[in-house]
Amino acid sequence: MKAKREYRNREEVEVAVLDALVDRNDDGMTVFEIRSRVDADIDDLETALANLKEDGLISANEGDHRTLITPDDRVIPDPEDDEVEEPSFVDRIIERLPL
């Protein structure tokens, strides 16, 4: 699952972090788990987490002797929304062909 469309116009690493967190929103993720899912170096990841936290899009909670990061509820898409995903590159080419 991906973060809502209105939160996808952020830096690439921030969007990747939000997508990873939304995918596991019930459980939350540790920084190590996020790092294993997001292809970014630790400095970029730290900056992304700080920016997301500052904007109130994520929260960090301590539990079971570890810190879990969870997305804010407004970032999580409603499963009942029939939001159409963005067309793929191939879909856009097919649309332009005169058939």
N, C-alpha and C. Protein backbone atom coordinates (compact mmCIF):
# COMPACT_ATOMS: atom_id res chain seq x y z
N MET A 1 0.84 -1.16 0.00
CA MET A 1 0.00 0.00 0.00
C MET A 1 0.90 1.23 0.00
N LYS A 2 0.44 2.28 -0.64
CA LYS A 2 1.21 3.51 -0.72
C LYS A 2 0.52 4.62 0.05
N ALA A 3 1.31 5.61 0.42
CA ALA A 3 0.77 6.77 1.11
C ALA A 3 -0.19 7.52 0.18
N LYS A 4 -1.09 8.29 0.76
CA LYS A 4 -2.04 9.06 -0.03
C LYS A 4 -1.31 9.95 -1.03
N ARG A 5 -1.99 10.21 -2.13
CA ARG A 5 -1.40 10.98 -3.22
C ARG A 5 -0.93 12.36 -2.78
N GLU A 6 -1.66 13.01 -1.89
CA GLU A 6 -1.28 14.37 -1.49
C GLU A 6 0.03 14.42 -0.70
N TYR A 7 0.53 13.26 -0.27
CA TYR A 7 1.81 13.21 0.46
C TYR A 7 2.93 12.65 -0.41
N ARG A 8 2.71 12.50 -1.70
CA ARG A 8 3.70 11.91 -2.59
C ARG A 8 4.55 12.96 -3.30
N ASN A 9 4.31 14.24 -3.04
CA ASN A 9 5.10 15.28 -3.70
C ASN A 9 6.24 15.75 -2.80
N ARG A 10 6.78 14.86 -2.03
CA ARG A 10 7.88 15.15 -1.12
C ARG A 10 9.16 14.56 -1.71
N GLU A 11 10.26 14.71 -0.98
CA GLU A 11 11.53 14.12 -1.41
C GLU A 11 11.37 12.61 -1.58
N GLU A 12 12.14 12.03 -2.48
CA GLU A 12 12.03 10.60 -2.81
C GLU A 12 12.19 9.71 -1.59
N VAL A 13 13.15 10.01 -0.73
CA VAL A 13 13.39 9.19 0.46
C VAL A 13 12.22 9.30 1.43
N GLU A 14 11.66 10.50 1.56
CA GLU A 14 10.52 10.69 2.45
C GLU A 14 9.31 9.88 1.98
N VAL A 15 9.07 9.88 0.68
CA VAL A 15 7.96 9.10 0.12
C VAL A 15 8.20 7.61 0.33
N ALA A 16 9.43 7.16 0.14
CA ALA A 16 9.75 5.75 0.36
C ALA A 16 9.52 5.35 1.81
N VAL A 17 9.88 6.23 2.74
CA VAL A 17 9.67 5.96 4.17
C VAL A 17 8.17 5.89 4.46
N LEU A 18 7.41 6.84 3.95
CA LEU A 18 5.96 6.84 4.17
C LEU A 18 5.32 5.57 3.60
N ASP A 19 5.74 5.17 2.40
CA ASP A 19 5.19 3.96 1.79
C ASP A 19 5.49 2.72 2.64
N ALA A 20 6.71 2.63 3.13
CA ALA A 20 7.08 1.49 3.97
C ALA A 20 6.27 1.48 5.26
N LEU A 21 6.08 2.64 5.86
CA LEU A 21 5.33 2.72 7.11
C LEU A 21 3.84 2.44 6.89
N VAL A 22 3.29 2.94 5.81
CA VAL A 22 1.87 2.69 5.52
C VAL A 22 1.64 1.21 5.28
N ASP A 23 2.61 0.56 4.66
CA ASP A 23 2.50 -0.87 4.39
C ASP A 23 2.43 -1.67 5.68
N ARG A 24 3.07 -1.18 6.74
CA ARG A 24 3.07 -1.88 8.03
C ARG A 24 2.52 -0.99 9.14
N ASN A 25 1.45 -0.26 8.86
CA ASN A 25 0.95 0.73 9.80
C ASN A 25 0.43 0.14 11.10
N ASP A 26 -0.02 -1.08 11.12
CA ASP A 26 -0.53 -1.68 12.35
C ASP A 26 0.57 -1.98 13.36
N ASP A 27 1.72 -2.39 12.85
CA ASP A 27 2.81 -2.81 13.73
C ASP A 27 3.83 -1.71 14.00
N GLY A 28 4.00 -0.79 13.07
CA GLY A 28 5.07 0.18 13.17
C GLY A 28 6.38 -0.47 12.75
N MET A 29 7.40 0.32 12.62
CA MET A 29 8.70 -0.19 12.19
C MET A 29 9.81 0.49 12.99
N THR A 30 10.89 -0.24 13.21
CA THR A 30 12.08 0.35 13.81
C THR A 30 12.87 1.04 12.71
N VAL A 31 13.84 1.83 13.09
CA VAL A 31 14.70 2.50 12.11
C VAL A 31 15.43 1.45 11.28
N PHE A 32 15.84 0.36 11.89
CA PHE A 32 16.55 -0.69 11.16
C PHE A 32 15.63 -1.35 10.12
N GLU A 33 14.37 -1.55 10.47
CA GLU A 33 13.42 -2.13 9.51
C GLU A 33 13.16 -1.18 8.36
N ILE A 34 13.03 0.10 8.68
CA ILE A 34 12.84 1.10 7.62
C ILE A 34 14.06 1.13 6.70
N ARG A 35 15.22 1.09 7.30
CA ARG A 35 16.46 1.13 6.52
C ARG A 35 16.57 -0.06 5.58
N SER A 36 16.06 -1.21 6.00
CA SER A 36 16.12 -2.39 5.13
C SER A 36 15.13 -2.30 3.97
N ARG A 37 14.10 -1.47 4.08
CA ARG A 37 13.09 -1.33 3.04
C ARG A 37 13.33 -0.12 2.13
N VAL A 38 14.07 0.87 2.62
CA VAL A 38 14.29 2.11 1.86
C VAL A 38 15.74 2.14 1.39
N ASP A 39 15.90 2.35 0.10
CA ASP A 39 17.24 2.37 -0.49
C ASP A 39 17.83 3.78 -0.37
N ALA A 40 18.41 4.06 0.80
CA ALA A 40 19.01 5.36 1.05
C ALA A 40 20.08 5.20 2.13
N ASP A 41 21.07 6.10 2.11
CA ASP A 41 22.08 6.01 3.16
C ASP A 41 21.49 6.56 4.46
N ILE A 42 22.17 6.30 5.54
CA ILE A 42 21.64 6.60 6.86
C ILE A 42 21.43 8.11 7.07
N ASP A 43 22.29 8.94 6.49
CA ASP A 43 22.13 10.39 6.64
C ASP A 43 20.86 10.88 5.96
N ASP A 44 20.60 10.39 4.74
CA ASP A 44 19.38 10.78 4.03
C ASP A 44 18.14 10.26 4.76
N LEU A 45 18.25 9.06 5.29
CA LEU A 45 17.13 8.48 6.03
C LEU A 45 16.86 9.28 7.30
N GLU A 46 17.91 9.66 8.00
CA GLU A 46 17.76 10.46 9.22
C GLU A 46 17.11 11.81 8.91
N THR A 47 17.53 12.44 7.82
CA THR A 47 16.94 13.72 7.41
C THR A 47 15.47 13.55 7.06
N ALA A 48 15.14 12.48 6.32
CA ALA A 48 13.76 12.22 5.94
C ALA A 48 12.89 12.00 7.16
N LEU A 49 13.36 11.21 8.11
CA LEU A 49 12.60 10.95 9.33
C LEU A 49 12.39 12.24 10.13
N ALA A 50 13.42 13.07 10.20
CA ALA A 50 13.30 14.33 10.92
C ALA A 50 12.28 15.25 10.26
N ASN A 51 12.31 15.33 8.93
CA ASN A 51 11.35 16.18 8.21
C ASN A 51 9.92 15.67 8.38
N LEU A 52 9.74 14.36 8.28
CA LEU A 52 8.40 13.78 8.44
C LEU A 52 7.88 13.99 9.86
N LYS A 53 8.75 13.85 10.83
CA LYS A 53 8.37 14.05 12.23
C LYS A 53 8.00 15.52 12.47
N GLU A 54 8.80 16.42 11.92
CA GLU A 54 8.55 17.85 12.07
C GLU A 54 7.20 18.25 11.46
N ASP A 55 6.83 17.61 10.35
CA ASP A 55 5.56 17.91 9.69
C ASP A 55 4.38 17.14 10.27
N GLY A 56 4.65 16.32 11.28
CA GLY A 56 3.58 15.58 11.95
C GLY A 56 3.04 14.41 11.16
N LEU A 57 3.83 13.88 10.21
CA LEU A 57 3.37 12.77 9.38
C LEU A 57 3.75 11.41 9.94
N ILE A 58 4.65 11.39 10.92
CA ILE A 58 5.02 10.15 11.60
C ILE A 58 5.11 10.43 13.09
N SER A 59 5.07 9.35 13.86
CA SER A 59 5.29 9.48 15.30
C SER A 59 6.17 8.32 15.75
N ALA A 60 6.92 8.57 16.80
CA ALA A 60 7.81 7.55 17.36
C ALA A 60 7.35 7.25 18.77
N ASN A 61 7.11 5.96 19.03
CA ASN A 61 6.63 5.52 20.34
C ASN A 61 7.52 4.41 20.86
N GLU A 62 7.83 4.48 22.13
CA GLU A 62 8.64 3.43 22.74
C GLU A 62 7.74 2.34 23.27
N GLY A 63 8.12 1.13 22.98
CA GLY A 63 7.37 -0.02 23.46
C GLY A 63 8.20 -1.27 23.34
N ASP A 64 8.11 -2.13 24.33
CA ASP A 64 8.85 -3.39 24.31
C ASP A 64 10.35 -3.16 24.10
N HIS A 65 10.89 -2.14 24.77
CA HIS A 65 12.32 -1.81 24.77
C HIS A 65 12.86 -1.45 23.39
N ARG A 66 11.99 -0.92 22.53
CA ARG A 66 12.45 -0.44 21.23
C ARG A 66 11.52 0.68 20.76
N THR A 67 12.01 1.50 19.88
CA THR A 67 11.23 2.62 19.37
C THR A 67 10.60 2.22 18.04
N LEU A 68 9.28 2.35 17.98
CA LEU A 68 8.54 2.04 16.76
C LEU A 68 8.03 3.32 16.13
N ILE A 69 8.22 3.43 14.84
CA ILE A 69 7.77 4.59 14.09
C ILE A 69 6.51 4.20 13.33
N THR A 70 5.48 5.03 13.43
CA THR A 70 4.21 4.76 12.76
C THR A 70 3.78 5.99 11.96
N PRO A 71 3.04 5.77 10.88
CA PRO A 71 2.56 6.91 10.10
C PRO A 71 1.34 7.54 10.76
N ASP A 72 1.14 8.82 10.52
CA ASP A 72 -0.06 9.49 10.99
C ASP A 72 -1.26 8.95 10.21
N ASP A 73 -2.42 8.92 10.84
CA ASP A 73 -3.62 8.36 10.20
C ASP A 73 -3.99 9.06 8.90
N ARG A 74 -3.69 10.35 8.79
CA ARG A 74 -4.07 11.06 7.58
C ARG A 74 -3.24 10.67 6.36
N VAL A 75 -2.12 9.98 6.57
CA VAL A 75 -1.25 9.53 5.48
C VAL A 75 -1.75 8.21 4.90
N ILE A 76 -2.46 7.44 5.70
CA ILE A 76 -2.91 6.10 5.31
C ILE A 76 -4.15 6.22 4.44
N PRO A 77 -4.10 5.65 3.23
CA PRO A 77 -5.27 5.73 2.35
C PRO A 77 -6.41 4.87 2.87
N ASP A 78 -7.63 5.31 2.61
CA ASP A 78 -8.82 4.57 2.99
C ASP A 78 -8.98 3.41 2.02
N PRO A 79 -9.04 2.18 2.50
CA PRO A 79 -9.15 1.03 1.59
C PRO A 79 -10.44 1.03 0.77
N GLU A 80 -11.44 1.77 1.21
CA GLU A 80 -12.70 1.82 0.48
C GLU A 80 -12.67 2.82 -0.67
N ASP A 81 -11.67 3.69 -0.67
CA ASP A 81 -11.55 4.63 -1.79
C ASP A 81 -11.17 3.87 -3.04
N ASP A 82 -11.84 4.18 -4.11
CA ASP A 82 -11.54 3.54 -5.38
C ASP A 82 -10.59 4.41 -6.18
N GLU A 83 -9.57 4.86 -5.52
CA GLU A 83 -8.60 5.73 -6.17
C GLU A 83 -7.82 4.93 -7.21
N VAL A 84 -7.82 5.45 -8.40
CA VAL A 84 -7.13 4.79 -9.50
C VAL A 84 -5.65 5.10 -9.38
N GLU A 85 -4.83 4.07 -9.51
CA GLU A 85 -3.40 4.28 -9.45
C GLU A 85 -2.94 4.98 -10.71
N GLU A 86 -1.81 5.64 -10.62
CA GLU A 86 -1.27 6.35 -11.76
C GLU A 86 -0.95 5.34 -12.87
N PRO A 87 -1.22 5.71 -14.13
CA PRO A 87 -0.95 4.79 -15.22
C PRO A 87 0.55 4.54 -15.36
N SER A 88 0.87 3.33 -15.77
CA SER A 88 2.28 2.99 -15.96
C SER A 88 2.79 3.63 -17.24
N PHE A 89 4.06 3.54 -17.46
CA PHE A 89 4.70 4.09 -18.65
C PHE A 89 4.09 3.46 -19.90
N VAL A 90 3.89 2.15 -19.87
CA VAL A 90 3.31 1.44 -21.01
C VAL A 90 1.87 1.89 -21.24
N ASP A 91 1.10 2.07 -20.18
CA ASP A 91 -0.28 2.53 -20.31
C ASP A 91 -0.34 3.90 -20.97
N ARG A 92 0.59 4.79 -20.62
CA ARG A 92 0.60 6.12 -21.22
C ARG A 92 0.96 6.06 -22.69
N ILE A 93 1.84 5.17 -23.08
CA ILE A 93 2.20 5.01 -24.50
C ILE A 93 1.00 4.47 -25.28
N ILE A 94 0.32 3.48 -24.72
CA ILE A 94 -0.84 2.89 -25.40
C ILE A 94 -1.93 3.94 -25.59
N GLU A 95 -2.11 4.82 -24.61
CA GLU A 95 -3.12 5.88 -24.73
C GLU A 95 -2.82 6.82 -25.89
N ARG A 96 -1.54 7.03 -26.19
CA ARG A 96 -1.15 7.97 -27.24
C ARG A 96 -1.17 7.35 -28.64
N LEU A 97 -1.18 6.03 -28.71
CA LEU A 97 -1.21 5.38 -30.02
C LEU A 97 -2.60 5.51 -30.65
N PRO A 98 -2.64 5.85 -31.92
CA PRO A 98 -3.96 5.98 -32.60
C PRO A 98 -4.49 4.60 -32.98
N LEU A 99 -5.29 4.05 -32.12
CA LEU A 99 -5.86 2.73 -32.42
C LEU A 99 -7.33 2.82 -32.68
